[in-house]
Amino acid sequence: TPVLSLGDSGLPFAGPDLLTRARPPQNANSNANAIGDARLIEYLKTNRNGVRFLAATLNANIAAPIILATGEPVMALGGFSGSDQILTTEQLAARIAQNEVRFFLLPTEQQSELARWVARNCASVPRNVWADGVRPAQGPGGAQELYRCGG
């Protein structure tokens, strides 16, 4: 029933009551809209240039809509919840140098060591290139900034 009911994938539950609940409206662009807009997806795909991960994000909640919209791998720097540092800054720098990851979609308020390292060592991509207008792109956890590292 969780699959048929289209419930909350972050906090799924099962049971017969799901079969009687109203279904949410379907939107073909709902995955892209969850992270700001479809322009981000298009920008990442167009500028990927053979990099292993389409992008890296803070956690699985931000990565999931991009993965679902594209079918491409997205790295969650803080693991599922954003609180587990999966790499050291040295390991992250090596991944960038090895052409494994180039783009980072991170909260504008940098909280993790890896996010602060990216903000210091990578170029911010102008918002008007990857998002509608100049307003901060909203994702799970608030406003997001896109950074480009390496080539």
N, C-alpha and C. Protein backbone atom coordinates (compact mmCIF):
# COMPACT_ATOMS: atom_id res chain seq x y z
N THR A 1 0.79 -1.22 0.00
CA THR A 1 0.00 0.00 0.00
C THR A 1 0.83 1.28 0.00
N PRO A 2 2.04 1.34 0.59
CA PRO A 2 2.80 2.59 0.50
C PRO A 2 3.12 2.99 -0.94
N VAL A 3 3.40 2.02 -1.78
CA VAL A 3 3.72 2.31 -3.18
C VAL A 3 2.48 2.83 -3.90
N LEU A 4 1.34 2.21 -3.66
CA LEU A 4 0.11 2.60 -4.33
C LEU A 4 -0.44 3.93 -3.83
N SER A 5 -0.16 4.29 -2.60
CA SER A 5 -0.78 5.48 -2.02
C SER A 5 0.02 6.75 -2.30
N LEU A 6 1.27 6.63 -2.75
CA LEU A 6 2.13 7.80 -2.97
C LEU A 6 2.25 8.64 -1.72
N GLY A 7 2.51 8.00 -0.60
CA GLY A 7 2.64 8.70 0.68
C GLY A 7 3.98 9.39 0.81
N ASP A 8 4.31 9.75 2.01
CA ASP A 8 5.56 10.44 2.32
C ASP A 8 6.71 9.45 2.28
N SER A 9 7.59 9.58 1.30
CA SER A 9 8.69 8.62 1.18
C SER A 9 9.73 8.80 2.27
N GLY A 10 9.78 9.97 2.90
CA GLY A 10 10.72 10.19 3.98
C GLY A 10 10.30 9.51 5.27
N LEU A 11 9.01 9.39 5.47
CA LEU A 11 8.45 8.73 6.66
C LEU A 11 7.34 7.77 6.22
N PRO A 12 7.69 6.71 5.53
CA PRO A 12 6.66 5.80 5.01
C PRO A 12 5.99 5.00 6.13
N PHE A 13 4.75 4.61 5.89
CA PHE A 13 4.06 3.69 6.78
C PHE A 13 3.12 2.84 5.93
N ALA A 14 2.70 1.75 6.47
CA ALA A 14 1.83 0.83 5.73
C ALA A 14 0.55 0.61 6.49
N GLY A 15 -0.45 0.21 5.77
CA GLY A 15 -1.72 -0.11 6.40
C GLY A 15 -2.87 0.11 5.46
N PRO A 16 -4.01 -0.50 5.75
CA PRO A 16 -5.14 -0.39 4.85
C PRO A 16 -5.71 1.02 4.73
N ASP A 17 -5.49 1.88 5.74
CA ASP A 17 -6.03 3.24 5.64
C ASP A 17 -5.42 4.01 4.48
N LEU A 18 -4.23 3.60 3.99
CA LEU A 18 -3.63 4.26 2.84
C LEU A 18 -4.47 4.09 1.58
N LEU A 19 -5.19 3.00 1.48
CA LEU A 19 -6.00 2.75 0.29
C LEU A 19 -7.21 3.67 0.20
N THR A 20 -7.65 4.23 1.31
CA THR A 20 -8.82 5.10 1.29
C THR A 20 -8.47 6.58 1.29
N ARG A 21 -7.20 6.91 1.45
CA ARG A 21 -6.78 8.31 1.45
C ARG A 21 -6.80 8.88 0.04
N ALA A 22 -7.05 10.17 -0.09
CA ALA A 22 -7.00 10.84 -1.39
C ALA A 22 -5.56 10.85 -1.89
N ARG A 23 -5.39 10.58 -3.16
CA ARG A 23 -4.05 10.58 -3.76
C ARG A 23 -3.63 11.99 -4.10
N PRO A 24 -2.35 12.34 -3.90
CA PRO A 24 -1.88 13.66 -4.29
C PRO A 24 -1.87 13.77 -5.81
N PRO A 25 -2.03 15.00 -6.35
CA PRO A 25 -2.02 15.16 -7.81
C PRO A 25 -0.65 14.82 -8.38
N GLN A 26 -0.65 14.22 -9.56
CA GLN A 26 0.59 13.87 -10.24
C GLN A 26 1.10 15.06 -11.02
N ASN A 27 2.39 15.30 -10.97
CA ASN A 27 3.02 16.38 -11.72
C ASN A 27 4.30 15.84 -12.29
N ALA A 28 4.45 15.89 -13.59
CA ALA A 28 5.64 15.32 -14.24
C ALA A 28 6.92 16.01 -13.81
N ASN A 29 6.82 17.26 -13.38
CA ASN A 29 8.03 18.00 -12.98
C ASN A 29 8.17 18.11 -11.48
N SER A 30 7.43 17.30 -10.70
CA SER A 30 7.45 17.47 -9.25
C SER A 30 8.82 17.21 -8.66
N ASN A 31 9.60 16.27 -9.20
CA ASN A 31 10.93 16.01 -8.65
C ASN A 31 11.85 17.20 -8.84
N ALA A 32 11.83 17.79 -10.02
CA ALA A 32 12.68 18.96 -10.27
C ALA A 32 12.23 20.13 -9.41
N ASN A 33 10.92 20.35 -9.28
CA ASN A 33 10.42 21.46 -8.49
C ASN A 33 10.77 21.33 -7.03
N ALA A 34 10.97 20.12 -6.53
CA ALA A 34 11.30 19.92 -5.12
C ALA A 34 12.66 20.49 -4.78
N ILE A 35 13.51 20.69 -5.74
CA ILE A 35 14.84 21.22 -5.47
C ILE A 35 15.03 22.61 -6.04
N GLY A 36 13.99 23.26 -6.45
CA GLY A 36 14.12 24.62 -6.97
C GLY A 36 13.46 24.75 -8.32
N ASP A 37 14.04 24.19 -9.35
CA ASP A 37 13.41 24.20 -10.66
C ASP A 37 14.16 23.29 -11.63
N ALA A 38 13.54 23.07 -12.76
CA ALA A 38 14.10 22.17 -13.77
C ALA A 38 15.37 22.73 -14.39
N ARG A 39 15.59 24.03 -14.29
CA ARG A 39 16.82 24.62 -14.85
C ARG A 39 18.06 24.06 -14.18
N LEU A 40 17.99 23.78 -12.90
CA LEU A 40 19.13 23.18 -12.20
C LEU A 40 19.47 21.83 -12.81
N ILE A 41 18.46 20.98 -12.99
CA ILE A 41 18.68 19.65 -13.57
C ILE A 41 19.32 19.79 -14.95
N GLU A 42 18.78 20.68 -15.75
CA GLU A 42 19.31 20.86 -17.11
C GLU A 42 20.75 21.37 -17.07
N TYR A 43 21.04 22.31 -16.18
CA TYR A 43 22.40 22.85 -16.05
C TYR A 43 23.38 21.75 -15.65
N LEU A 44 23.01 20.95 -14.66
CA LEU A 44 23.90 19.88 -14.20
C LEU A 44 24.16 18.88 -15.32
N LYS A 45 23.11 18.47 -16.03
CA LYS A 45 23.26 17.49 -17.10
C LYS A 45 24.10 18.04 -18.25
N THR A 46 23.87 19.29 -18.61
CA THR A 46 24.59 19.91 -19.73
C THR A 46 26.06 20.11 -19.42
N ASN A 47 26.39 20.40 -18.17
CA ASN A 47 27.77 20.74 -17.80
C ASN A 47 28.50 19.62 -17.07
N ARG A 48 27.95 18.44 -17.08
CA ARG A 48 28.53 17.31 -16.36
C ARG A 48 29.89 16.90 -16.91
N ASN A 49 30.01 16.79 -18.22
CA ASN A 49 31.27 16.47 -18.89
C ASN A 49 31.93 15.20 -18.37
N GLY A 50 31.17 14.13 -18.24
CA GLY A 50 31.74 12.84 -17.88
C GLY A 50 32.05 12.60 -16.43
N VAL A 51 31.71 13.53 -15.55
CA VAL A 51 31.96 13.36 -14.12
C VAL A 51 31.05 12.26 -13.59
N ARG A 52 31.58 11.42 -12.69
CA ARG A 52 30.84 10.27 -12.17
C ARG A 52 29.51 10.66 -11.51
N PHE A 53 29.54 11.60 -10.56
CA PHE A 53 28.34 12.04 -9.85
C PHE A 53 27.80 13.30 -10.51
N LEU A 54 26.50 13.33 -10.74
CA LEU A 54 25.88 14.51 -11.34
C LEU A 54 26.09 15.72 -10.43
N ALA A 55 26.02 15.49 -9.13
CA ALA A 55 26.23 16.55 -8.15
C ALA A 55 26.44 15.92 -6.79
N ALA A 56 26.80 16.76 -5.83
CA ALA A 56 26.87 16.35 -4.42
C ALA A 56 25.98 17.31 -3.65
N THR A 57 25.31 16.80 -2.62
CA THR A 57 24.42 17.61 -1.80
C THR A 57 24.73 17.33 -0.33
N LEU A 58 24.02 18.01 0.54
CA LEU A 58 24.25 17.84 1.97
C LEU A 58 23.74 16.50 2.48
N ASN A 59 22.55 16.07 2.00
CA ASN A 59 21.94 14.85 2.54
C ASN A 59 21.06 14.16 1.50
N ALA A 60 20.53 13.03 1.88
CA ALA A 60 19.70 12.23 0.97
C ALA A 60 18.38 12.93 0.63
N ASN A 61 17.84 13.75 1.52
CA ASN A 61 16.60 14.46 1.21
C ASN A 61 16.77 15.43 0.04
N ILE A 62 17.94 16.02 -0.09
CA ILE A 62 18.21 16.93 -1.20
C ILE A 62 18.63 16.13 -2.43
N ALA A 63 19.37 15.06 -2.23
CA ALA A 63 19.85 14.24 -3.36
C ALA A 63 18.72 13.48 -4.04
N ALA A 64 17.77 12.97 -3.27
CA ALA A 64 16.73 12.07 -3.81
C ALA A 64 15.94 12.67 -4.97
N PRO A 65 15.45 13.92 -4.88
CA PRO A 65 14.69 14.46 -6.01
C PRO A 65 15.52 14.56 -7.29
N ILE A 66 16.81 14.85 -7.15
CA ILE A 66 17.68 14.93 -8.32
C ILE A 66 17.87 13.54 -8.92
N ILE A 67 18.09 12.56 -8.06
CA ILE A 67 18.25 11.18 -8.53
C ILE A 67 16.97 10.71 -9.23
N LEU A 68 15.82 10.98 -8.63
CA LEU A 68 14.56 10.54 -9.21
C LEU A 68 14.27 11.25 -10.53
N ALA A 69 14.65 12.52 -10.64
CA ALA A 69 14.40 13.28 -11.87
C ALA A 69 15.32 12.88 -13.00
N THR A 70 16.52 12.37 -12.67
CA THR A 70 17.52 12.11 -13.71
C THR A 70 17.94 10.66 -13.85
N GLY A 71 17.81 9.88 -12.77
CA GLY A 71 18.32 8.51 -12.78
C GLY A 71 19.84 8.46 -12.65
N GLU A 72 20.44 9.57 -12.31
CA GLU A 72 21.90 9.68 -12.20
C GLU A 72 22.34 9.66 -10.74
N PRO A 73 23.60 9.24 -10.48
CA PRO A 73 24.09 9.22 -9.09
C PRO A 73 24.35 10.62 -8.56
N VAL A 74 23.96 10.83 -7.31
CA VAL A 74 24.19 12.09 -6.60
C VAL A 74 24.77 11.73 -5.24
N MET A 75 25.85 12.38 -4.86
CA MET A 75 26.54 12.10 -3.60
C MET A 75 25.89 12.90 -2.46
N ALA A 76 25.61 12.24 -1.34
CA ALA A 76 25.10 12.91 -0.14
C ALA A 76 26.28 13.04 0.84
N LEU A 77 26.86 14.23 0.91
CA LEU A 77 28.07 14.46 1.72
C LEU A 77 27.88 14.15 3.19
N GLY A 78 26.66 14.32 3.68
CA GLY A 78 26.40 14.06 5.10
C GLY A 78 25.62 12.79 5.32
N GLY A 79 25.64 11.89 4.34
CA GLY A 79 24.89 10.65 4.47
C GLY A 79 23.39 10.89 4.38
N PHE A 80 22.62 10.01 4.97
CA PHE A 80 21.16 10.09 4.86
C PHE A 80 20.61 11.38 5.46
N SER A 81 20.99 11.69 6.69
CA SER A 81 20.40 12.84 7.39
C SER A 81 21.20 14.13 7.26
N GLY A 82 22.42 14.03 6.78
CA GLY A 82 23.26 15.22 6.68
C GLY A 82 24.22 15.38 7.83
N SER A 83 24.14 14.50 8.83
CA SER A 83 24.99 14.64 10.01
C SER A 83 26.20 13.71 10.01
N ASP A 84 26.30 12.83 9.03
CA ASP A 84 27.44 11.91 8.94
C ASP A 84 28.40 12.39 7.86
N GLN A 85 29.60 12.76 8.25
CA GLN A 85 30.59 13.20 7.28
C GLN A 85 31.17 11.96 6.62
N ILE A 86 30.87 11.74 5.34
CA ILE A 86 31.28 10.52 4.66
C ILE A 86 32.71 10.58 4.16
N LEU A 87 33.27 11.78 4.04
CA LEU A 87 34.63 11.96 3.54
C LEU A 87 35.35 13.01 4.39
N THR A 88 36.68 12.95 4.38
CA THR A 88 37.46 14.06 4.94
C THR A 88 37.60 15.11 3.83
N THR A 89 38.06 16.28 4.17
CA THR A 89 38.27 17.30 3.14
C THR A 89 39.34 16.84 2.14
N GLU A 90 40.33 16.11 2.61
CA GLU A 90 41.37 15.59 1.71
C GLU A 90 40.78 14.57 0.73
N GLN A 91 39.90 13.71 1.24
CA GLN A 91 39.27 12.72 0.37
C GLN A 91 38.34 13.40 -0.65
N LEU A 92 37.65 14.44 -0.22
CA LEU A 92 36.78 15.17 -1.14
C LEU A 92 37.62 15.85 -2.22
N ALA A 93 38.72 16.48 -1.85
CA ALA A 93 39.60 17.12 -2.83
C ALA A 93 40.11 16.08 -3.83
N ALA A 94 40.44 14.89 -3.36
CA ALA A 94 40.90 13.82 -4.25
C ALA A 94 39.79 13.40 -5.21
N ARG A 95 38.55 13.30 -4.73
CA ARG A 95 37.42 12.94 -5.59
C ARG A 95 37.22 13.99 -6.69
N ILE A 96 37.40 15.24 -6.34
CA ILE A 96 37.28 16.31 -7.33
C ILE A 96 38.41 16.18 -8.35
N ALA A 97 39.63 15.98 -7.88
CA ALA A 97 40.79 15.84 -8.77
C ALA A 97 40.67 14.62 -9.69
N GLN A 98 40.00 13.57 -9.22
CA GLN A 98 39.82 12.34 -10.00
C GLN A 98 38.60 12.42 -10.92
N ASN A 99 38.02 13.60 -11.03
CA ASN A 99 36.88 13.84 -11.91
C ASN A 99 35.65 13.00 -11.52
N GLU A 100 35.45 12.82 -10.22
CA GLU A 100 34.28 12.07 -9.74
C GLU A 100 33.11 12.99 -9.41
N VAL A 101 33.38 14.21 -8.99
CA VAL A 101 32.32 15.15 -8.65
C VAL A 101 32.80 16.57 -8.95
N ARG A 102 31.89 17.38 -9.48
CA ARG A 102 32.23 18.76 -9.84
C ARG A 102 31.25 19.76 -9.20
N PHE A 103 29.96 19.43 -9.18
CA PHE A 103 28.95 20.37 -8.70
C PHE A 103 28.46 20.01 -7.31
N PHE A 104 28.23 21.05 -6.50
CA PHE A 104 27.78 20.89 -5.12
C PHE A 104 26.60 21.81 -4.88
N LEU A 105 25.45 21.23 -4.55
CA LEU A 105 24.25 21.99 -4.19
C LEU A 105 24.15 21.94 -2.67
N LEU A 106 24.44 23.07 -2.04
CA LEU A 106 24.57 23.10 -0.58
C LEU A 106 23.78 24.26 0.02
N PRO A 107 23.40 24.15 1.29
CA PRO A 107 22.69 25.26 1.93
C PRO A 107 23.55 26.52 1.93
N THR A 108 22.89 27.69 1.83
CA THR A 108 23.63 28.94 1.83
C THR A 108 24.34 29.17 3.15
N GLU A 109 23.79 28.63 4.23
CA GLU A 109 24.46 28.71 5.53
C GLU A 109 25.24 27.42 5.72
N GLN A 110 26.55 27.50 5.53
CA GLN A 110 27.42 26.32 5.59
C GLN A 110 27.58 25.87 7.03
N GLN A 111 27.22 24.60 7.30
CA GLN A 111 27.31 24.10 8.66
C GLN A 111 28.33 22.97 8.80
N SER A 112 28.46 22.13 7.80
CA SER A 112 29.40 21.02 7.92
C SER A 112 30.79 21.44 7.46
N GLU A 113 31.77 20.71 7.91
CA GLU A 113 33.15 20.99 7.51
C GLU A 113 33.32 20.87 6.00
N LEU A 114 32.70 19.85 5.40
CA LEU A 114 32.81 19.66 3.95
C LEU A 114 32.15 20.80 3.19
N ALA A 115 30.98 21.25 3.65
CA ALA A 115 30.29 22.36 2.99
C ALA A 115 31.10 23.64 3.09
N ARG A 116 31.71 23.88 4.24
CA ARG A 116 32.56 25.08 4.39
C ARG A 116 33.78 24.98 3.48
N TRP A 117 34.35 23.78 3.35
CA TRP A 117 35.51 23.59 2.47
C TRP A 117 35.12 23.89 1.02
N VAL A 118 33.96 23.39 0.59
CA VAL A 118 33.50 23.64 -0.78
C VAL A 118 33.31 25.15 -1.00
N ALA A 119 32.68 25.83 -0.06
CA ALA A 119 32.44 27.27 -0.19
C ALA A 119 33.75 28.06 -0.29
N ARG A 120 34.79 27.60 0.39
CA ARG A 120 36.09 28.28 0.35
C ARG A 120 36.90 27.95 -0.90
N ASN A 121 36.75 26.74 -1.43
CA ASN A 121 37.65 26.26 -2.47
C ASN A 121 37.03 26.13 -3.86
N CYS A 122 35.75 26.38 -3.99
CA CYS A 122 35.08 26.22 -5.27
C CYS A 122 34.36 27.51 -5.64
N ALA A 123 34.04 27.64 -6.92
CA ALA A 123 33.38 28.85 -7.42
C ALA A 123 31.87 28.73 -7.30
N SER A 124 31.25 29.79 -6.84
CA SER A 124 29.79 29.85 -6.79
C SER A 124 29.28 30.07 -8.21
N VAL A 125 28.30 29.27 -8.61
CA VAL A 125 27.69 29.41 -9.94
C VAL A 125 26.58 30.46 -9.81
N PRO A 126 26.60 31.50 -10.66
CA PRO A 126 25.56 32.53 -10.56
C PRO A 126 24.16 31.92 -10.64
N ARG A 127 23.31 32.35 -9.74
CA ARG A 127 21.96 31.81 -9.64
C ARG A 127 21.16 31.94 -10.93
N ASN A 128 21.36 33.02 -11.66
CA ASN A 128 20.57 33.23 -12.88
C ASN A 128 20.93 32.23 -13.98
N VAL A 129 22.02 31.48 -13.81
CA VAL A 129 22.43 30.47 -14.79
C VAL A 129 21.69 29.15 -14.56
N TRP A 130 21.36 28.84 -13.32
CA TRP A 130 20.79 27.52 -13.00
C TRP A 130 19.44 27.56 -12.29
N ALA A 131 18.95 28.74 -11.95
CA ALA A 131 17.65 28.85 -11.26
C ALA A 131 16.85 29.97 -11.89
N ASP A 132 15.55 29.94 -11.72
CA ASP A 132 14.70 31.01 -12.21
C ASP A 132 14.95 32.27 -11.40
N GLY A 133 15.37 33.34 -12.06
CA GLY A 133 15.60 34.60 -11.37
C GLY A 133 16.82 34.56 -10.47
N VAL A 134 16.90 35.51 -9.54
CA VAL A 134 18.04 35.59 -8.64
C VAL A 134 17.67 35.26 -7.21
N ARG A 135 16.42 34.87 -6.98
CA ARG A 135 16.01 34.50 -5.63
C ARG A 135 16.71 33.21 -5.20
N PRO A 136 16.94 33.02 -3.93
CA PRO A 136 17.57 31.78 -3.49
C PRO A 136 16.73 30.57 -3.87
N ALA A 137 17.36 29.55 -4.43
CA ALA A 137 16.67 28.30 -4.75
C ALA A 137 16.37 27.60 -3.44
N GLN A 138 15.15 27.12 -3.29
CA GLN A 138 14.73 26.45 -2.07
C GLN A 138 14.79 24.95 -2.26
N GLY A 139 15.29 24.27 -1.28
CA GLY A 139 15.31 22.82 -1.26
C GLY A 139 14.98 22.39 0.16
N PRO A 140 14.97 21.10 0.41
CA PRO A 140 14.78 20.67 1.79
C PRO A 140 15.87 21.29 2.66
N GLY A 141 15.51 22.00 3.68
CA GLY A 141 16.49 22.63 4.55
C GLY A 141 16.72 24.10 4.24
N GLY A 142 16.02 24.66 3.25
CA GLY A 142 16.14 26.09 2.99
C GLY A 142 16.87 26.43 1.71
N ALA A 143 17.39 27.66 1.67
CA ALA A 143 18.02 28.19 0.46
C ALA A 143 19.28 27.40 0.11
N GLN A 144 19.47 27.19 -1.19
CA GLN A 144 20.60 26.41 -1.69
C GLN A 144 21.50 27.26 -2.59
N GLU A 145 22.77 26.92 -2.62
CA GLU A 145 23.76 27.56 -3.48
C GLU A 145 24.43 26.47 -4.29
N LEU A 146 24.75 26.75 -5.54
CA LEU A 146 25.44 25.78 -6.39
C LEU A 146 26.89 26.20 -6.56
N TYR A 147 27.80 25.26 -6.34
CA TYR A 147 29.24 25.50 -6.49
C TYR A 147 29.80 24.58 -7.56
N ARG A 148 30.82 25.09 -8.25
CA ARG A 148 31.52 24.30 -9.26
C ARG A 148 32.99 24.18 -8.84
N CYS A 149 33.48 22.95 -8.76
CA CYS A 149 34.86 22.69 -8.36
C CYS A 149 35.61 22.05 -9.53
N GLY A 150 36.87 22.31 -9.62
CA GLY A 150 37.69 21.66 -10.65
C GLY A 150 37.35 22.15 -12.04
N GLY A 151 37.69 21.29 -13.04
CA GLY A 151 37.56 21.62 -14.45
C GLY A 151 36.25 21.93 -14.94
